C-alpha atoms as a PDB file:
ATOM      1  CA  UNK A   1      67.991 -13.573-151.266  1.00  0.00           C
ATOM      2  CA  UNK A   2      70.726 -11.643-149.458  1.00  0.00           C
ATOM      3  CA  UNK A   3      74.332 -10.996-150.275  1.00  0.00           C
ATOM      4  CA  UNK A   4      76.902 -12.944-148.276  1.00  0.00           C
ATOM      5  CA  UNK A   5      77.680 -10.117-145.825  1.00  0.00           C
ATOM      6  CA  UNK A   6      73.998  -9.243-145.387  1.00  0.00           C
ATOM      7  CA  UNK A   7      73.136 -12.872-144.665  1.00  0.00           C
ATOM      8  CA  UNK A   8      75.958 -13.094-142.100  1.00  0.00           C
ATOM      9  CA  UNK A   9      74.662  -9.940-140.419  1.00  0.00           C
ATOM     10  CA  UNK A  10      71.087 -11.293-140.352  1.00  0.00           C
ATOM     11  CA  UNK A  11      72.231 -14.654-138.984  1.00  0.00           C
ATOM     12  CA  UNK A  12      74.142 -12.889-136.200  1.00  0.00           C
ATOM     13  CA  UNK A  13      71.155 -10.691-135.403  1.00  0.00           C
ATOM     14  CA  UNK A  14      68.784 -13.672-135.170  1.00  0.00           C
ATOM     15  CA  UNK A  15      71.297 -15.675-133.136  1.00  0.00           C
ATOM     16  CA  UNK A  16      71.884 -12.823-130.684  1.00  0.00           C
ATOM     17  CA  UNK A  17      68.301 -11.646-130.247  1.00  0.00           C
ATOM     18  CA  UNK A  18      66.353 -14.912-130.774  1.00  0.00           C
ATOM     19  CA  UNK A  19      63.020 -13.353-131.778  1.00  0.00           C
ATOM     20  CA  UNK A  20      59.926 -15.552-131.867  1.00  0.00           C
ATOM     21  CA  UNK A  21      59.386 -14.751-135.536  1.00  0.00           C
ATOM     22  CA  UNK A  22      60.752 -12.815-138.496  1.00  0.00           C
ATOM     23  CA  UNK A  23      58.710 -11.751-141.521  1.00  0.00           C
ATOM     24  CA  UNK A  24      60.044 -11.043-144.994  1.00  0.00           C
ATOM     25  CA  UNK A  25      58.382 -10.284-148.251  1.00  0.00           C
ATOM     26  CA  UNK A  26      56.937 -10.204-150.388  1.00  0.00           C
ATOM     27  CA  UNK A  27      57.349 -13.086-152.810  1.00  0.00           C
ATOM     28  CA  UNK A  28      55.223 -13.624-155.890  1.00  0.00           C
ATOM     29  CA  UNK A  29      54.473 -17.190-154.820  1.00  0.00           C
ATOM     30  CA  UNK A  30      52.858 -18.985-151.900  1.00  0.00           C
ATOM     31  CA  UNK A  31      54.028 -18.071-148.385  1.00  0.00           C
ATOM     32  CA  UNK A  32      56.986 -20.112-147.174  1.00  0.00           C
ATOM     33  CA  UNK A  33      57.728 -20.878-143.524  1.00  0.00           C
ATOM     34  CA  UNK A  34      61.040 -22.146-142.201  1.00  0.00           C
ATOM     35  CA  UNK A  35      62.974 -21.979-138.951  1.00  0.00           C
ATOM     36  CA  UNK A  36      66.286 -20.457-138.052  1.00  0.00           C
ATOM     37  CA  UNK A  37      67.033 -22.014-134.701  1.00  0.00           C
ATOM     38  CA  UNK A  38      63.938 -21.356-132.600  1.00  0.00           C
ATOM     39  CA  UNK A  39      62.879 -18.389-134.753  1.00  0.00           C
ATOM     40  CA  UNK A  40      59.977 -18.984-137.119  1.00  0.00           C
ATOM     41  CA  UNK A  41      60.664 -17.201-140.412  1.00  0.00           C
ATOM     42  CA  UNK A  42      58.084 -16.356-143.043  1.00  0.00           C
ATOM     43  CA  UNK A  43      58.500 -15.211-146.647  1.00  0.00           C
ATOM     44  CA  UNK A  44      55.019 -13.896-147.303  1.00  0.00           C
ATOM     45  CA  UNK A  45      53.076 -13.965-150.551  1.00  0.00           C
ATOM     46  CA  UNK A  46      52.056 -10.972-152.601  1.00  0.00           C
ATOM     47  CA  UNK A  47      48.467  -9.783-152.346  1.00  0.00           C
ATOM     48  CA  UNK A  48      48.646  -8.445-155.912  1.00  0.00           C
ATOM     49  CA  UNK A  49      49.835 -11.288-158.207  1.00  0.00           C
ATOM     50  CA  UNK A  50      51.776 -14.531-157.855  1.00  0.00           C
ATOM     51  CA  UNK A  51      53.514 -16.969-160.165  1.00  0.00           C
ATOM     52  CA  UNK A  52      51.806 -20.254-160.924  1.00  0.00           C
ATOM     53  CA  UNK A  53      48.443 -18.793-159.960  1.00  0.00           C
ATOM     54  CA  UNK A  54      49.292 -19.162-156.258  1.00  0.00           C
ATOM     55  CA  UNK A  55      46.394 -17.658-154.286  1.00  0.00           C
ATOM     56  CA  UNK A  56      46.437 -13.945-153.512  1.00  0.00           C
ATOM     57  CA  UNK A  57      46.342 -12.926-149.882  1.00  0.00           C
ATOM     58  CA  UNK A  58      48.196 -12.011-146.752  1.00  0.00           C
ATOM     59  CA  UNK A  59      49.440 -13.530-143.513  1.00  0.00           C
ATOM     60  CA  UNK A  60      47.325 -12.689-140.453  1.00  0.00           C
ATOM     61  CA  UNK A  61      49.395 -12.822-137.262  1.00  0.00           C
ATOM     62  CA  UNK A  62      48.105 -12.813-133.693  1.00  0.00           C
ATOM     63  CA  UNK A  63      50.636 -12.278-130.910  1.00  0.00           C
ATOM     64  CA  UNK A  64      49.804 -13.468-127.420  1.00  0.00           C
ATOM     65  CA  UNK A  65      51.678 -14.193-124.191  1.00  0.00           C
ATOM     66  CA  UNK A  66      52.517 -17.782-125.108  1.00  0.00           C
ATOM     67  CA  UNK A  67      53.644 -17.096-128.674  1.00  0.00           C
ATOM     68  CA  UNK A  68      51.968 -16.331-131.942  1.00  0.00           C
ATOM     69  CA  UNK A  69      49.519 -17.856-134.360  1.00  0.00           C
ATOM     70  CA  UNK A  70      49.456 -17.276-138.088  1.00  0.00           C
ATOM     71  CA  UNK A  71      46.933 -17.989-140.779  1.00  0.00           C
ATOM     72  CA  UNK A  72      46.699 -17.223-144.452  1.00  0.00           C
ATOM     73  CA  UNK A  73      43.862 -14.992-145.593  1.00  0.00           C
ATOM     74  CA  UNK A  74      43.093 -15.350-149.284  1.00  0.00           C
ATOM     75  CA  UNK A  75      41.830 -12.115-150.821  1.00  0.00           C
ATOM     76  CA  UNK A  76      41.281 -13.153-154.408  1.00  0.00           C
ATOM     77  CA  UNK A  77      41.568 -15.753-157.086  1.00  0.00           C
ATOM     78  CA  UNK A  78      42.550 -15.664-160.717  1.00  0.00           C
ATOM     79  CA  UNK A  79      39.860 -15.729-163.358  1.00  0.00           C
ATOM     80  CA  UNK A  80      39.553 -18.855-165.482  1.00  0.00           C
ATOM     81  CA  UNK A  81      40.326 -17.106-168.758  1.00  0.00           C
ATOM     82  CA  UNK A  82      42.895 -14.484-167.726  1.00  0.00           C
ATOM     83  CA  UNK A  83      45.586 -13.801-165.198  1.00  0.00           C
END
């Protein structure tokens, strides 16, 4: 969701620095994970509302010496009759 020059800059930054992970957000849909080289990239969900009734929540990240672990924490659901 970046302009051409911004995406080139970000690609160069990730290529040069090779972080373990990069986090972006939020999207109003389920969290998406993809890789850019060895870097795990996450577009995280909204904890307020999401399209298609995707669960509400956040990404819980634990960083340790050998890497990181992530898990989704759901904080709410939509009612049957409403949003």
